[in-house]
């Protein structure tokens, strides 16, 4: 998580002339994809953790 935040700060420091450049647009797209992957992974981890708690509480 920290590296993504740091990369975002770097992206914000780009000069205004470079914001419309293909490199900057690629950066923004890459960060969106990374964010979505983190969200999906977090949701999956939360589901599996809840399932683990449910199973461990309902042991005979």
PDB file of N, CA and C in Angstrom:
ATOM      1  N   UNK A   1       0.836  -1.197   0.000  1.00  0.00           N
ATOM      2  CA  UNK A   1       0.000   0.000   0.000  1.00  0.00           C
ATOM      3  C   UNK A   1       0.877   1.255   0.000  1.00  0.00           C
ATOM      4  N   UNK A   2       1.962   1.229   0.763  1.00  0.00           N
ATOM      5  CA  UNK A   2       2.791   2.424   0.871  1.00  0.00           C
ATOM      6  C   UNK A   2       3.418   2.810  -0.455  1.00  0.00           C
ATOM      7  N   UNK A   3       3.839   1.811  -1.229  1.00  0.00           N
ATOM      8  CA  UNK A   3       4.494   2.131  -2.493  1.00  0.00           C
ATOM      9  C   UNK A   3       3.509   2.764  -3.468  1.00  0.00           C
ATOM     10  N   UNK A   4       2.265   2.316  -3.440  1.00  0.00           N
ATOM     11  CA  UNK A   4       1.260   2.891  -4.336  1.00  0.00           C
ATOM     12  C   UNK A   4       1.015   4.342  -3.960  1.00  0.00           C
ATOM     13  N   UNK A   5       0.933   4.613  -2.656  1.00  0.00           N
ATOM     14  CA  UNK A   5       0.731   5.984  -2.200  1.00  0.00           C
ATOM     15  C   UNK A   5       1.907   6.855  -2.635  1.00  0.00           C
ATOM     16  N   UNK A   6       3.122   6.341  -2.482  1.00  0.00           N
ATOM     17  CA  UNK A   6       4.297   7.092  -2.896  1.00  0.00           C
ATOM     18  C   UNK A   6       4.281   7.372  -4.391  1.00  0.00           C
ATOM     19  N   UNK A   7       3.877   6.389  -5.179  1.00  0.00           N
ATOM     20  CA  UNK A   7       3.823   6.581  -6.626  1.00  0.00           C
ATOM     21  C   UNK A   7       2.781   7.627  -6.990  1.00  0.00           C
ATOM     22  N   UNK A   8       1.672   7.664  -6.225  1.00  0.00           N
ATOM     23  CA  UNK A   8       0.668   8.684  -6.481  1.00  0.00           C
ATOM     24  C   UNK A   8       1.229  10.067  -6.218  1.00  0.00           C
ATOM     25  N   UNK A   9       2.022  10.204  -5.152  1.00  0.00           N
ATOM     26  CA  UNK A   9       2.617  11.500  -4.854  1.00  0.00           C
ATOM     27  C   UNK A   9       3.545  11.919  -5.983  1.00  0.00           C
ATOM     28  N   UNK A  10       4.314  10.961  -6.511  1.00  0.00           N
ATOM     29  CA  UNK A  10       5.194  11.267  -7.636  1.00  0.00           C
ATOM     30  C   UNK A  10       4.368  11.731  -8.827  1.00  0.00           C
ATOM     31  N   UNK A  11       3.243  11.054  -9.068  1.00  0.00           N
ATOM     32  CA  UNK A  11       2.397  11.406 -10.200  1.00  0.00           C
ATOM     33  C   UNK A  11       1.865  12.823 -10.041  1.00  0.00           C
ATOM     34  N   UNK A  12       1.504  13.209  -8.808  1.00  0.00           N
ATOM     35  CA  UNK A  12       0.982  14.556  -8.582  1.00  0.00           C
ATOM     36  C   UNK A  12       2.044  15.614  -8.828  1.00  0.00           C
ATOM     37  N   UNK A  13       3.325  15.237  -8.671  1.00  0.00           N
ATOM     38  CA  UNK A  13       4.388  16.225  -8.822  1.00  0.00           C
ATOM     39  C   UNK A  13       4.784  16.433 -10.280  1.00  0.00           C
ATOM     40  N   UNK A  14       4.174  15.704 -11.208  1.00  0.00           N
ATOM     41  CA  UNK A  14       4.486  15.910 -12.624  1.00  0.00           C
ATOM     42  C   UNK A  14       4.101  17.330 -13.028  1.00  0.00           C
ATOM     43  N   UNK A  15       4.914  17.971 -13.860  1.00  0.00           N
ATOM     44  CA  UNK A  15       4.546  19.299 -14.360  1.00  0.00           C
ATOM     45  C   UNK A  15       3.247  19.249 -15.159  1.00  0.00           C
ATOM     46  N   UNK A  16       2.540  20.362 -15.183  1.00  0.00           N
ATOM     47  CA  UNK A  16       1.244  20.403 -15.853  1.00  0.00           C
ATOM     48  C   UNK A  16       1.378  20.053 -17.336  1.00  0.00           C
ATOM     49  N   UNK A  17       2.529  20.370 -17.937  1.00  0.00           N
ATOM     50  CA  UNK A  17       2.703  20.088 -19.364  1.00  0.00           C
ATOM     51  C   UNK A  17       2.757  18.590 -19.630  1.00  0.00           C
ATOM     52  N   UNK A  18       3.099  17.786 -18.613  1.00  0.00           N
ATOM     53  CA  UNK A  18       3.228  16.346 -18.825  1.00  0.00           C
ATOM     54  C   UNK A  18       1.962  15.594 -18.445  1.00  0.00           C
ATOM     55  N   UNK A  19       0.993  16.275 -17.842  1.00  0.00           N
ATOM     56  CA  UNK A  19      -0.179  15.551 -17.339  1.00  0.00           C
ATOM     57  C   UNK A  19      -0.970  14.934 -18.492  1.00  0.00           C
ATOM     58  N   UNK A  20      -1.033  15.617 -19.628  1.00  0.00           N
ATOM     59  CA  UNK A  20      -1.780  15.076 -20.758  1.00  0.00           C
ATOM     60  C   UNK A  20      -0.979  14.106 -21.601  1.00  0.00           C
ATOM     61  N   UNK A  21       0.280  13.881 -21.246  1.00  0.00           N
ATOM     62  CA  UNK A  21       1.140  13.031 -22.067  1.00  0.00           C
ATOM     63  C   UNK A  21       0.750  11.562 -21.918  1.00  0.00           C
ATOM     64  N   UNK A  22       1.077  10.741 -22.912  1.00  0.00           N
ATOM     65  CA  UNK A  22       0.739   9.316 -22.838  1.00  0.00           C
ATOM     66  C   UNK A  22       1.325   8.649 -21.592  1.00  0.00           C
ATOM     67  N   UNK A  23       2.532   9.051 -21.181  1.00  0.00           N
ATOM     68  CA  UNK A  23       3.145   8.431 -20.000  1.00  0.00           C
ATOM     69  C   UNK A  23       2.295   8.690 -18.762  1.00  0.00           C
ATOM     70  N   UNK A  24       1.827   9.923 -18.604  1.00  0.00           N
ATOM     71  CA  UNK A  24       1.014  10.249 -17.429  1.00  0.00           C
ATOM     72  C   UNK A  24      -0.316   9.504 -17.482  1.00  0.00           C
ATOM     73  N   UNK A  25      -0.913   9.423 -18.675  1.00  0.00           N
ATOM     74  CA  UNK A  25      -2.177   8.696 -18.792  1.00  0.00           C
ATOM     75  C   UNK A  25      -1.963   7.217 -18.478  1.00  0.00           C
ATOM     76  N   UNK A  26      -0.832   6.659 -18.917  1.00  0.00           N
ATOM     77  CA  UNK A  26      -0.541   5.259 -18.617  1.00  0.00           C
ATOM     78  C   UNK A  26      -0.387   5.074 -17.112  1.00  0.00           C
ATOM     79  N   UNK A  27       0.282   6.022 -16.442  1.00  0.00           N
ATOM     80  CA  UNK A  27       0.431   5.945 -14.993  1.00  0.00           C
ATOM     81  C   UNK A  27      -0.933   5.903 -14.320  1.00  0.00           C
ATOM     82  N   UNK A  28      -1.824   6.812 -14.714  1.00  0.00           N
ATOM     83  CA  UNK A  28      -3.139   6.870 -14.070  1.00  0.00           C
ATOM     84  C   UNK A  28      -3.905   5.568 -14.292  1.00  0.00           C
ATOM     85  N   UNK A  29      -3.843   5.029 -15.505  1.00  0.00           N
ATOM     86  CA  UNK A  29      -4.538   3.771 -15.786  1.00  0.00           C
ATOM     87  C   UNK A  29      -3.957   2.645 -14.942  1.00  0.00           C
ATOM     88  N   UNK A  30      -2.639   2.598 -14.837  1.00  0.00           N
ATOM     89  CA  UNK A  30      -1.995   1.540 -14.056  1.00  0.00           C
ATOM     90  C   UNK A  30      -2.427   1.620 -12.600  1.00  0.00           C
ATOM     91  N   UNK A  31      -2.506   2.830 -12.048  1.00  0.00           N
ATOM     92  CA  UNK A  31      -2.906   2.962 -10.650  1.00  0.00           C
ATOM     93  C   UNK A  31      -4.352   2.541 -10.462  1.00  0.00           C
ATOM     94  N   UNK A  32      -5.211   2.844 -11.424  1.00  0.00           N
ATOM     95  CA  UNK A  32      -6.607   2.406 -11.305  1.00  0.00           C
ATOM     96  C   UNK A  32      -6.677   0.881 -11.277  1.00  0.00           C
ATOM     97  N   UNK A  33      -5.914   0.231 -12.148  1.00  0.00           N
ATOM     98  CA  UNK A  33      -5.920  -1.237 -12.193  1.00  0.00           C
ATOM     99  C   UNK A  33      -5.407  -1.803 -10.874  1.00  0.00           C
ATOM    100  N   UNK A  34      -4.325  -1.223 -10.341  1.00  0.00           N
ATOM    101  CA  UNK A  34      -3.773  -1.701  -9.063  1.00  0.00           C
ATOM    102  C   UNK A  34      -4.800  -1.525  -7.954  1.00  0.00           C
ATOM    103  N   UNK A  35      -5.477  -0.369  -7.932  1.00  0.00           N
ATOM    104  CA  UNK A  35      -6.498  -0.129  -6.914  1.00  0.00           C
ATOM    105  C   UNK A  35      -7.589  -1.190  -6.992  1.00  0.00           C
ATOM    106  N   UNK A  36      -8.049  -1.511  -8.198  1.00  0.00           N
ATOM    107  CA  UNK A  36      -9.109  -2.504  -8.339  1.00  0.00           C
ATOM    108  C   UNK A  36      -8.631  -3.871  -7.870  1.00  0.00           C
ATOM    109  N   UNK A  37      -7.377  -4.225  -8.185  1.00  0.00           N
ATOM    110  CA  UNK A  37      -6.855  -5.516  -7.739  1.00  0.00           C
ATOM    111  C   UNK A  37      -6.812  -5.575  -6.221  1.00  0.00           C
ATOM    112  N   UNK A  38      -6.418  -4.468  -5.578  1.00  0.00           N
ATOM    113  CA  UNK A  38      -6.376  -4.450  -4.110  1.00  0.00           C
ATOM    114  C   UNK A  38      -7.783  -4.599  -3.545  1.00  0.00           C
ATOM    115  N   UNK A  39      -8.756  -3.907  -4.143  1.00  0.00           N
ATOM    116  CA  UNK A  39     -10.131  -4.022  -3.656  1.00  0.00           C
ATOM    117  C   UNK A  39     -10.628  -5.456  -3.778  1.00  0.00           C
ATOM    118  N   UNK A  40     -10.389  -6.076  -4.935  1.00  0.00           N
ATOM    119  CA  UNK A  40     -10.851  -7.453  -5.144  1.00  0.00           C
ATOM    120  C   UNK A  40     -10.181  -8.381  -4.132  1.00  0.00           C
ATOM    121  N   UNK A  41      -8.862  -8.205  -3.939  1.00  0.00           N
ATOM    122  CA  UNK A  41      -8.149  -9.065  -3.001  1.00  0.00           C
ATOM    123  C   UNK A  41      -8.657  -8.851  -1.577  1.00  0.00           C
ATOM    124  N   UNK A  42      -8.926  -7.602  -1.211  1.00  0.00           N
ATOM    125  CA  UNK A  42      -9.411  -7.320   0.141  1.00  0.00           C
ATOM    126  C   UNK A  42     -10.778  -7.960   0.361  1.00  0.00           C
ATOM    127  N   UNK A  43     -11.656  -7.861  -0.634  1.00  0.00           N
ATOM    128  CA  UNK A  43     -12.979  -8.477  -0.497  1.00  0.00           C
ATOM    129  C   UNK A  43     -12.848  -9.989  -0.363  1.00  0.00           C
ATOM    130  N   UNK A  44     -11.981 -10.587  -1.181  1.00  0.00           N
ATOM    131  CA  UNK A  44     -11.784 -12.033  -1.115  1.00  0.00           C
ATOM    132  C   UNK A  44     -11.221 -12.440   0.248  1.00  0.00           C
ATOM    133  N   UNK A  45     -10.248 -11.680   0.744  1.00  0.00           N
ATOM    134  CA  UNK A  45      -9.644 -11.999   2.040  1.00  0.00           C
ATOM    135  C   UNK A  45     -10.678 -11.878   3.150  1.00  0.00           C
ATOM    136  N   UNK A  46     -11.516 -10.849   3.064  1.00  0.00           N
ATOM    137  CA  UNK A  46     -12.538 -10.663   4.092  1.00  0.00           C
ATOM    138  C   UNK A  46     -13.519 -11.831   4.083  1.00  0.00           C
ATOM    139  N   UNK A  47     -13.934 -12.260   2.899  1.00  0.00           N
ATOM    140  CA  UNK A  47     -14.868 -13.391   2.804  1.00  0.00           C
ATOM    141  C   UNK A  47     -14.250 -14.653   3.391  1.00  0.00           C
ATOM    142  N   UNK A  48     -13.015 -14.950   3.009  1.00  0.00           N
ATOM    143  CA  UNK A  48     -12.396 -16.184   3.487  1.00  0.00           C
ATOM    144  C   UNK A  48     -12.146 -16.109   4.990  1.00  0.00           C
ATOM    145  N   UNK A  49     -11.826 -14.922   5.498  1.00  0.00           N
ATOM    146  CA  UNK A  49     -11.605 -14.774   6.936  1.00  0.00           C
ATOM    147  C   UNK A  49     -12.909 -14.989   7.697  1.00  0.00           C
ATOM    148  N   UNK A  50     -13.998 -14.430   7.183  1.00  0.00           N
ATOM    149  CA  UNK A  50     -15.297 -14.641   7.830  1.00  0.00           C
ATOM    150  C   UNK A  50     -15.670 -16.120   7.804  1.00  0.00           C
ATOM    151  N   UNK A  51     -15.400 -16.790   6.670  1.00  0.00           N
ATOM    152  CA  UNK A  51     -15.705 -18.211   6.567  1.00  0.00           C
ATOM    153  C   UNK A  51     -14.886 -18.991   7.594  1.00  0.00           C
ATOM    154  N   UNK A  52     -13.620 -18.609   7.744  1.00  0.00           N
ATOM    155  CA  UNK A  52     -12.760 -19.281   8.718  1.00  0.00           C
ATOM    156  C   UNK A  52     -13.308 -19.085  10.133  1.00  0.00           C
ATOM    157  N   UNK A  53     -13.721 -17.865  10.473  1.00  0.00           N
ATOM    158  CA  UNK A  53     -14.285 -17.615  11.801  1.00  0.00           C
ATOM    159  C   UNK A  53     -15.554 -18.434  12.001  1.00  0.00           C
ATOM    160  N   UNK A  54     -16.406 -18.447  10.966  1.00  0.00           N
ATOM    161  CA  UNK A  54     -17.670 -19.183  11.053  1.00  0.00           C
ATOM    162  C   UNK A  54     -17.404 -20.665  11.306  1.00  0.00           C
ATOM    163  N   UNK A  55     -16.460 -21.243  10.547  1.00  0.00           N
ATOM    164  CA  UNK A  55     -16.169 -22.666  10.699  1.00  0.00           C
ATOM    165  C   UNK A  55     -15.534 -22.960  12.054  1.00  0.00           C
ATOM    166  N   UNK A  56     -14.655 -22.078  12.514  1.00  0.00           N
ATOM    167  CA  UNK A  56     -13.971 -22.356  13.776  1.00  0.00           C
ATOM    168  C   UNK A  56     -14.933 -22.223  14.960  1.00  0.00           C
ATOM    169  N   UNK A  57     -15.950 -21.379  14.838  1.00  0.00           N
ATOM    170  CA  UNK A  57     -16.920 -21.244  15.932  1.00  0.00           C
ATOM    171  C   UNK A  57     -17.913 -22.399  15.951  1.00  0.00           C
ATOM    172  N   UNK A  58     -18.163 -23.005  14.796  1.00  0.00           N
ATOM    173  CA  UNK A  58     -19.202 -24.032  14.718  1.00  0.00           C
ATOM    174  C   UNK A  58     -18.624 -25.439  14.681  1.00  0.00           C
ATOM    175  N   UNK A  59     -17.466 -25.631  15.288  1.00  0.00           N
ATOM    176  CA  UNK A  59     -16.921 -26.995  15.370  1.00  0.00           C
ATOM    177  C   UNK A  59     -17.679 -27.781  16.430  1.00  0.00           C
ATOM    178  N   UNK A  60     -17.859 -29.062  16.229  1.00  0.00           N
ATOM    179  CA  UNK A  60     -18.588 -29.885  17.202  1.00  0.00           C
ATOM    180  C   UNK A  60     -17.796 -30.036  18.510  1.00  0.00           C
TER     181      UNK A  60
END
